[in-house]
Amino acid sequence: MNNRILLFSFLIITFLYLYAGDGGIELIHADKSIGKMIDDERVNISEGNVHFRQDTIDMYCDEARFYESQNKVEFIGSVYINDGHNTLRARRVDYYSEERKAVCVGHVRIKTPKDSLYAEYFTYNFKSGEATGRTNLFIYSIEDNVKIWGENGRYDRNKGFSLIRNNCRLTRYDENSEDTLIILSQQMEYYELPGKKAVALDSATILQGSLKAVCDTAEFHPDQEIIWLKNKPRAWYELSKMKGKRMKVDVDSLKLRNITIYEDALAESQVDSVSADYNSLEAREIQFYIENKKPEKIIAIDNASSIYYLLEENERQGSNYATADTIVVYFQKGELDSIDVRGGAQGTFYPDDYEGEKGFE
């Protein structure tokens, strides 16, 4: 018995003092340390206020197990790791000292100077700053006030890049305007360097107040407060709907300011909330301006055409068909007020009781 105690004491001393050399991991403190054979493997166990160190990385936990043959330390219970710049918390961590890699399980939280990451499972490399996570992944860009959720993904601290997959959700909240931007997709990329942007791929949906837009790919530039919608974009705002080959959404403190539709642009607005008829505007480019969350004006540029139903005291008077270089539609309190047709204008007014064929001349 005494020989076994001496043997384990020697093993612990070897672990404490020799393994710490050449950048190895060193046990700084533990209330109790013992050696055991577990599954024919020699394991050194430290318990109570455990503190390890490897160069600038400090590691704390309730219990630690060092597996010599695997060159692995298993930290268990209230794990906290700090390298002077980044911190990691988890219920359990398997730490591989040569790679400086932490395999983490249970309410994992990683905090860097710019970002915070959360997931149930994480693998984090303290050398490269790369992390892969799964199950309820959450990334928070502190500097940009951008939050992203997903099922799994990876993060690269040095490249300033994150990739999130499956049921992705990005939100940005502005405290001054109390407005929130939401972007949904099946895959999300977030770039911090160079040039900050979020790219939503595969069935992107954009929600902001009364605006809903869908497309294959969306790009959000937080510094410029611009959202680009690409590949079959469509958008709805109150009683209006829009489509084209590309769209640009401009916001100010997340308040919607204008929507620009490029190429084969079409904007339609329901005549009223119960009508099946739509006012329509087509052109190469359409600019949709919003003030106080209501349509202010719509400008159709280049080869513009319009069909608008005219109302007077809520009674339909007829419809106006027009073509021109530019058509401007003005609104008052969100309702159609007037139409300005500019350059090469041609138009026809059809009374409401007109029963013949309608069209552009």
Protein backbone atom coordinates (compact mmCIF):
# COMPACT_ATOMS: atom_id res chain seq x y z
CA MET A 1 0.00 0.00 0.00
CA ASN A 2 2.78 2.43 0.93
CA ASN A 3 4.53 1.68 -2.34
CA ARG A 4 1.38 2.53 -4.32
CA ILE A 5 0.98 5.81 -2.44
CA LEU A 6 4.59 6.68 -3.16
CA LEU A 7 4.12 5.79 -6.83
CA PHE A 8 1.07 8.00 -7.24
CA SER A 9 2.75 10.81 -5.33
CA PHE A 10 5.67 10.59 -7.71
CA LEU A 11 3.31 10.68 -10.70
CA ILE A 12 1.55 13.78 -9.38
CA ILE A 13 4.85 15.55 -8.74
CA THR A 14 5.97 14.64 -12.25
CA PHE A 15 2.72 16.05 -13.62
CA LEU A 16 3.01 19.26 -11.60
CA TYR A 17 6.58 20.14 -12.41
CA LEU A 18 7.87 18.34 -15.48
CA TYR A 19 4.90 18.56 -17.81
CA ALA A 20 4.77 22.35 -17.39
CA GLY A 21 8.03 22.75 -19.28
CA ASP A 22 8.31 23.71 -22.96
CA GLY A 23 4.97 25.46 -23.04
CA GLY A 24 3.12 22.58 -21.42
CA ILE A 25 0.21 22.85 -19.04
CA GLU A 26 0.89 23.43 -15.34
CA LEU A 27 -1.26 22.82 -12.27
CA ILE A 28 -1.14 26.00 -10.18
CA HIS A 29 -3.54 24.98 -7.41
CA ALA A 30 -5.97 22.30 -6.30
CA ASP A 31 -7.37 21.50 -2.88
CA LYS A 32 -6.65 17.83 -3.49
CA SER A 33 -4.74 15.81 -6.09
CA ILE A 34 -4.64 12.04 -6.47
CA GLY A 35 -3.61 9.49 -9.08
CA LYS A 36 -5.80 6.62 -10.31
CA MET A 37 -5.86 3.88 -12.91
CA ILE A 38 -9.06 4.22 -14.98
CA ASP A 39 -9.66 1.67 -17.75
CA ASP A 40 -5.99 0.74 -17.63
CA GLU A 41 -4.99 4.35 -18.14
CA ARG A 42 -3.08 6.47 -15.67
CA VAL A 43 -5.14 9.52 -14.69
CA ASN A 44 -4.16 12.39 -12.41
CA ILE A 45 -7.21 13.93 -10.72
CA SER A 46 -7.30 17.41 -9.18
CA GLU A 47 -10.31 18.55 -7.14
CA GLY A 48 -11.48 21.78 -5.52
CA ASN A 49 -10.66 25.32 -6.75
CA VAL A 50 -8.57 23.89 -9.56
CA HIS A 51 -6.31 26.29 -11.47
CA PHE A 52 -4.17 25.33 -14.47
CA ARG A 53 -1.99 27.52 -16.67
CA GLN A 54 -0.39 27.22 -20.09
CA ASP A 55 1.65 30.30 -21.00
CA THR A 56 -0.96 33.13 -20.97
CA ILE A 57 -3.96 30.80 -20.73
CA ASP A 58 -5.45 30.36 -17.24
CA MET A 59 -7.99 27.58 -16.64
CA TYR A 60 -10.28 27.15 -13.64
CA CYS A 61 -12.79 24.43 -12.73
CA ASP A 62 -14.16 22.26 -9.93
CA GLU A 63 -12.38 19.10 -11.04
CA ALA A 64 -9.70 18.25 -13.61
CA ARG A 65 -8.49 14.92 -14.97
CA PHE A 66 -5.20 14.64 -16.84
CA TYR A 67 -4.98 11.69 -19.26
CA GLU A 68 -1.29 11.33 -19.93
CA SER A 69 -1.52 8.96 -22.90
CA GLN A 70 -3.99 11.28 -24.68
CA ASN A 71 -2.21 14.47 -23.67
CA LYS A 72 -5.63 15.74 -22.60
CA VAL A 73 -7.00 17.51 -19.55
CA GLU A 74 -10.70 17.13 -18.83
CA PHE A 75 -12.10 20.12 -16.93
CA ILE A 76 -15.39 19.45 -15.17
CA GLY A 77 -17.80 21.85 -13.45
CA SER A 78 -17.92 25.66 -13.74
CA VAL A 79 -15.12 25.74 -16.30
CA TYR A 80 -13.63 29.18 -16.95
CA ILE A 81 -10.70 29.80 -19.32
CA ASN A 82 -9.04 33.17 -19.94
CA ASP A 83 -6.13 33.91 -22.28
CA GLY A 84 -5.94 37.62 -21.48
CA HIS A 85 -8.11 38.61 -24.44
CA ASN A 86 -10.80 35.96 -24.77
CA THR A 87 -12.81 34.02 -22.21
CA LEU A 88 -14.59 30.68 -22.35
CA ARG A 89 -17.17 29.19 -19.97
CA ALA A 90 -18.72 25.72 -20.09
CA ARG A 91 -19.88 22.83 -17.96
CA ARG A 92 -17.14 20.57 -19.31
CA VAL A 93 -14.08 21.05 -21.51
CA ASP A 94 -11.63 18.56 -22.99
CA TYR A 95 -8.42 20.55 -23.47
CA TYR A 96 -5.59 19.40 -25.76
CA SER A 97 -2.52 21.37 -24.75
CA GLU A 98 -0.34 20.81 -27.84
CA GLU A 99 -3.05 22.15 -30.17
CA ARG A 100 -4.46 24.52 -27.54
CA LYS A 101 -7.85 23.24 -28.55
CA ALA A 102 -10.87 23.13 -26.27
CA VAL A 103 -13.79 20.78 -26.94
CA CYS A 104 -16.64 22.22 -24.88
CA VAL A 105 -20.02 20.87 -23.78
CA GLY A 106 -22.94 22.48 -21.96
CA HIS A 107 -24.00 26.15 -22.09
CA VAL A 108 -20.77 27.15 -23.81
CA ARG A 109 -20.00 30.88 -23.90
CA ILE A 110 -17.01 32.36 -25.72
CA LYS A 111 -16.35 36.08 -25.47
CA THR A 112 -13.83 38.00 -27.58
CA PRO A 113 -13.25 41.78 -27.57
CA LYS A 114 -15.67 42.12 -30.52
CA ASP A 115 -18.04 39.16 -30.29
CA SER A 116 -19.87 36.80 -27.98
CA LEU A 117 -20.67 33.21 -28.99
CA TYR A 118 -23.06 30.73 -27.38
CA ALA A 119 -23.95 27.09 -28.14
CA GLU A 120 -24.42 23.76 -26.43
CA TYR A 121 -21.29 22.36 -28.10
CA PHE A 122 -18.20 24.23 -29.23
CA THR A 123 -14.70 23.42 -30.42
CA TYR A 124 -12.43 26.43 -29.95
CA ASN A 125 -8.76 26.86 -30.85
CA PHE A 126 -6.95 29.42 -28.72
CA LYS A 127 -4.13 29.64 -31.28
CA SER A 128 -6.13 30.39 -34.42
CA GLY A 129 -9.27 31.87 -32.89
CA GLU A 130 -11.39 29.43 -34.91
CA ALA A 131 -14.54 27.97 -33.41
CA THR A 132 -17.19 25.53 -34.60
CA GLY A 133 -20.47 25.21 -32.73
CA ARG A 134 -23.73 23.33 -32.91
CA THR A 135 -27.12 23.21 -31.25
CA ASN A 136 -28.73 26.58 -30.50
CA LEU A 137 -25.84 28.61 -31.87
CA PHE A 138 -25.89 32.35 -31.13
CA ILE A 139 -23.35 34.97 -32.25
CA TYR A 140 -23.49 38.57 -31.04
CA SER A 141 -21.39 41.23 -32.77
CA ILE A 142 -21.03 43.74 -29.95
CA GLU A 143 -19.62 46.55 -32.07
CA ASP A 144 -22.36 46.32 -34.74
CA ASN A 145 -25.19 45.38 -32.37
CA VAL A 146 -26.02 42.45 -34.64
CA LYS A 147 -27.35 39.16 -33.26
CA ILE A 148 -27.45 35.93 -35.28
CA TRP A 149 -29.04 32.61 -34.35
CA GLY A 150 -28.76 29.24 -36.11
CA GLU A 151 -28.37 25.52 -35.56
CA ASN A 152 -24.66 25.24 -36.28
CA GLY A 153 -21.76 27.14 -37.77
CA ARG A 154 -18.20 28.33 -37.47
CA TYR A 155 -16.39 31.49 -36.43
CA ASP A 156 -12.93 32.81 -37.33
CA ARG A 157 -11.75 35.58 -35.00
CA ASN A 158 -8.69 36.58 -37.04
CA LYS A 159 -10.51 36.71 -40.38
CA GLY A 160 -13.56 38.39 -38.86
CA PHE A 161 -15.87 35.84 -40.47
CA SER A 162 -18.83 33.78 -39.26
CA LEU A 163 -20.87 31.13 -41.10
CA ILE A 164 -24.20 30.05 -39.63
CA ARG A 165 -26.43 27.31 -41.03
CA ASN A 166 -30.03 26.12 -40.70
CA ASN A 167 -32.93 28.29 -39.51
CA CYS A 168 -30.78 31.42 -39.35
CA ARG A 169 -32.13 34.63 -37.87
CA LEU A 170 -30.34 38.00 -37.80
CA THR A 171 -31.67 40.93 -35.77
CA ARG A 172 -30.53 44.48 -35.24
CA TYR A 173 -32.36 46.78 -32.82
CA ASP A 174 -32.04 50.56 -32.72
CA GLU A 175 -32.70 52.03 -29.28
CA ASN A 176 -33.33 55.54 -30.63
CA SER A 177 -35.96 54.65 -33.22
CA GLU A 178 -37.09 51.48 -31.41
CA ASP A 179 -37.11 49.76 -34.80
CA THR A 180 -35.91 46.21 -35.43
CA LEU A 181 -34.52 44.64 -38.59
CA ILE A 182 -34.97 40.88 -38.97
CA ILE A 183 -33.39 38.74 -41.69
CA LEU A 184 -34.22 35.04 -42.00
CA SER A 185 -32.50 32.43 -44.19
CA GLN A 186 -31.13 28.91 -44.22
CA GLN A 187 -27.52 30.10 -44.33
CA MET A 188 -25.93 33.31 -43.08
CA GLU A 189 -22.44 34.73 -43.56
CA TYR A 190 -21.19 37.64 -41.47
CA TYR A 191 -18.07 39.58 -42.42
CA GLU A 192 -16.42 42.03 -40.04
CA LEU A 193 -13.24 42.51 -42.10
CA PRO A 194 -12.89 43.95 -44.67
CA GLY A 195 -16.17 45.84 -44.89
CA LYS A 196 -18.94 44.77 -42.56
CA LYS A 197 -21.83 42.90 -44.11
CA ALA A 198 -24.23 40.03 -43.53
CA VAL A 199 -25.11 37.78 -46.47
CA ALA A 200 -28.32 35.74 -46.20
CA LEU A 201 -28.39 32.78 -48.59
CA ASP A 202 -31.12 30.33 -49.52
CA SER A 203 -34.66 31.67 -49.13
CA ALA A 204 -33.94 35.01 -47.49
CA THR A 205 -36.76 36.98 -45.83
CA ILE A 206 -36.40 40.59 -44.64
CA LEU A 207 -38.80 42.04 -42.06
CA GLN A 208 -38.77 45.66 -40.93
CA GLY A 209 -41.95 47.26 -39.63
CA SER A 210 -44.57 47.01 -42.40
CA LEU A 211 -41.98 45.81 -44.92
CA LYS A 212 -41.68 42.17 -45.89
CA ALA A 213 -39.29 41.15 -48.67
CA VAL A 214 -38.14 37.79 -50.01
CA CYS A 215 -35.31 36.81 -52.37
CA ASP A 216 -32.66 34.16 -52.92
CA THR A 217 -29.80 36.32 -51.59
CA ALA A 218 -29.77 39.41 -49.36
CA GLU A 219 -26.83 41.56 -48.23
CA PHE A 220 -27.07 43.84 -45.20
CA HIS A 221 -24.39 46.53 -44.75
CA PRO A 222 -24.77 47.78 -41.14
CA ASP A 223 -22.46 50.80 -41.47
CA GLN A 224 -24.24 52.12 -44.56
CA GLU A 225 -27.67 50.89 -43.40
CA ILE A 226 -28.35 49.38 -46.82
CA ILE A 227 -29.93 46.03 -47.72
CA TRP A 228 -29.42 44.58 -51.21
CA LEU A 229 -31.94 42.01 -52.44
CA LYS A 230 -30.76 39.83 -55.33
CA ASN A 231 -32.18 37.01 -57.43
CA LYS A 232 -35.96 37.23 -57.78
CA PRO A 233 -36.66 39.84 -55.09
CA ARG A 234 -40.24 40.67 -54.13
CA ALA A 235 -41.40 43.10 -51.47
CA TRP A 236 -44.64 44.14 -49.78
CA TYR A 237 -45.27 47.39 -47.91
CA GLU A 238 -48.76 48.01 -46.54
CA LEU A 239 -51.03 47.84 -49.65
CA SER A 240 -48.11 47.95 -52.12
CA LYS A 241 -46.11 45.12 -53.66
CA MET A 242 -42.93 45.33 -55.75
CA LYS A 243 -40.65 43.13 -57.81
CA GLY A 244 -37.65 43.43 -60.13
CA LYS A 245 -34.25 41.87 -60.78
CA ARG A 246 -32.57 43.69 -57.87
CA MET A 247 -33.70 45.89 -54.99
CA LYS A 248 -31.98 48.24 -52.58
CA VAL A 249 -33.55 49.09 -49.23
CA ASP A 250 -32.25 52.21 -47.43
CA VAL A 251 -32.87 52.72 -43.72
CA ASP A 252 -31.90 55.45 -41.25
CA SER A 253 -31.53 54.26 -37.65
CA LEU A 254 -33.47 51.25 -38.98
CA LYS A 255 -36.36 53.48 -40.07
CA LEU A 256 -37.34 52.59 -43.62
CA ARG A 257 -36.57 55.49 -46.00
CA ASN A 258 -36.79 54.20 -49.55
CA ILE A 259 -36.80 51.13 -51.77
CA THR A 260 -35.18 51.19 -55.21
CA ILE A 261 -36.13 48.53 -57.76
CA TYR A 262 -33.79 47.87 -60.70
CA GLU A 263 -34.53 46.28 -64.10
CA ASP A 264 -38.03 45.14 -65.08
CA ALA A 265 -39.28 47.08 -62.08
CA LEU A 266 -42.94 46.74 -61.13
CA ALA A 267 -44.80 48.40 -58.25
CA GLU A 268 -48.47 47.72 -57.56
CA SER A 269 -50.75 49.11 -54.88
CA GLN A 270 -54.20 47.89 -54.00
CA VAL A 271 -56.83 50.52 -54.86
CA ASP A 272 -58.36 50.01 -51.42
CA SER A 273 -58.38 47.34 -48.75
CA VAL A 274 -61.41 45.54 -50.23
CA SER A 275 -60.78 45.96 -53.97
CA ALA A 276 -59.29 43.30 -56.23
CA ASP A 277 -57.90 46.01 -58.54
CA TYR A 278 -54.34 47.33 -58.36
CA ASN A 279 -52.73 50.55 -59.43
CA SER A 280 -49.55 49.60 -61.30
CA LEU A 281 -46.30 51.25 -62.29
CA GLU A 282 -43.62 49.75 -64.55
CA ALA A 283 -40.21 51.10 -65.59
CA ARG A 284 -36.51 50.31 -65.84
CA GLU A 285 -36.09 51.74 -62.34
CA ILE A 286 -38.61 52.57 -59.61
CA GLN A 287 -37.86 54.57 -56.45
CA PHE A 288 -40.32 54.12 -53.59
CA TYR A 289 -40.01 56.82 -50.87
CA ILE A 290 -41.41 56.50 -47.36
CA GLU A 291 -41.98 59.22 -44.76
CA ASN A 292 -43.24 58.58 -41.22
CA LYS A 293 -43.80 54.94 -42.17
CA LYS A 294 -46.22 55.90 -45.00
CA PRO A 295 -45.66 56.03 -48.80
CA GLU A 296 -44.63 59.57 -49.79
CA LYS A 297 -43.98 59.23 -53.53
CA ILE A 298 -43.00 56.74 -56.22
CA ILE A 299 -40.75 57.71 -59.13
CA ALA A 300 -40.67 55.50 -62.23
CA ILE A 301 -37.67 56.23 -64.48
CA ASP A 302 -37.03 55.24 -68.12
CA ASN A 303 -39.78 53.74 -70.30
CA ALA A 304 -42.36 54.20 -67.57
CA SER A 305 -46.01 53.16 -67.78
CA SER A 306 -48.82 53.37 -65.25
CA ILE A 307 -52.40 52.32 -64.64
CA TYR A 308 -54.12 54.23 -61.86
CA TYR A 309 -57.72 54.19 -60.68
CA LEU A 310 -58.98 57.64 -59.73
CA LEU A 311 -61.21 58.13 -56.69
CA GLU A 312 -63.19 61.12 -55.52
CA GLU A 313 -64.77 60.99 -52.07
CA ASN A 314 -64.14 57.24 -52.13
CA GLU A 315 -66.14 56.89 -55.36
CA ARG A 316 -64.31 55.43 -58.35
CA GLN A 317 -64.24 57.88 -61.28
CA GLY A 318 -62.30 55.82 -63.79
CA SER A 319 -58.79 54.70 -64.71
CA ASN A 320 -55.84 56.49 -66.30
CA TYR A 321 -53.39 54.67 -68.60
CA ALA A 322 -50.15 56.59 -69.23
CA THR A 323 -46.65 56.17 -70.67
CA ALA A 324 -43.71 58.58 -70.34
CA ASP A 325 -39.99 58.91 -69.70
CA THR A 326 -40.71 59.52 -66.01
CA ILE A 327 -43.86 59.14 -63.92
CA VAL A 328 -44.11 60.47 -60.36
CA VAL A 329 -46.93 59.36 -58.06
CA TYR A 330 -47.57 61.44 -54.93
CA PHE A 331 -49.30 60.31 -51.76
CA GLN A 332 -50.94 62.14 -48.87
CA LYS A 333 -51.10 60.29 -45.57
CA GLY A 334 -50.31 57.09 -47.45
CA GLU A 335 -53.11 57.49 -50.02
CA LEU A 336 -52.86 58.37 -53.71
CA ASP A 337 -52.94 62.15 -54.22
CA SER A 338 -51.71 63.00 -57.74
CA ILE A 339 -49.70 61.77 -60.73
CA ASP A 340 -47.08 63.76 -62.64
CA VAL A 341 -46.21 62.47 -66.12
CA ARG A 342 -42.97 63.85 -67.59
CA GLY A 343 -41.27 63.58 -71.00
CA GLY A 344 -42.91 62.04 -74.07
CA ALA A 345 -46.14 61.64 -72.16
CA GLN A 346 -49.11 59.79 -73.63
CA GLY A 347 -52.20 58.86 -71.71
CA THR A 348 -55.85 57.85 -71.89
CA PHE A 349 -58.57 58.27 -69.29
CA TYR A 350 -61.32 55.66 -69.20
CA PRO A 351 -64.52 56.52 -67.27
CA ASP A 352 -65.59 53.99 -64.70
CA ASP A 353 -68.56 52.90 -66.82
CA TYR A 354 -66.42 52.35 -69.93
CA GLU A 355 -66.98 48.82 -71.23
CA GLY A 356 -64.56 48.68 -74.18
CA GLU A 357 -61.01 47.42 -74.36
CA LYS A 358 -58.49 49.40 -72.31
CA GLY A 359 -54.80 49.78 -73.03
CA PHE A 360 -51.83 52.00 -73.79
CA GLU A 361 -51.89 53.93 -77.07
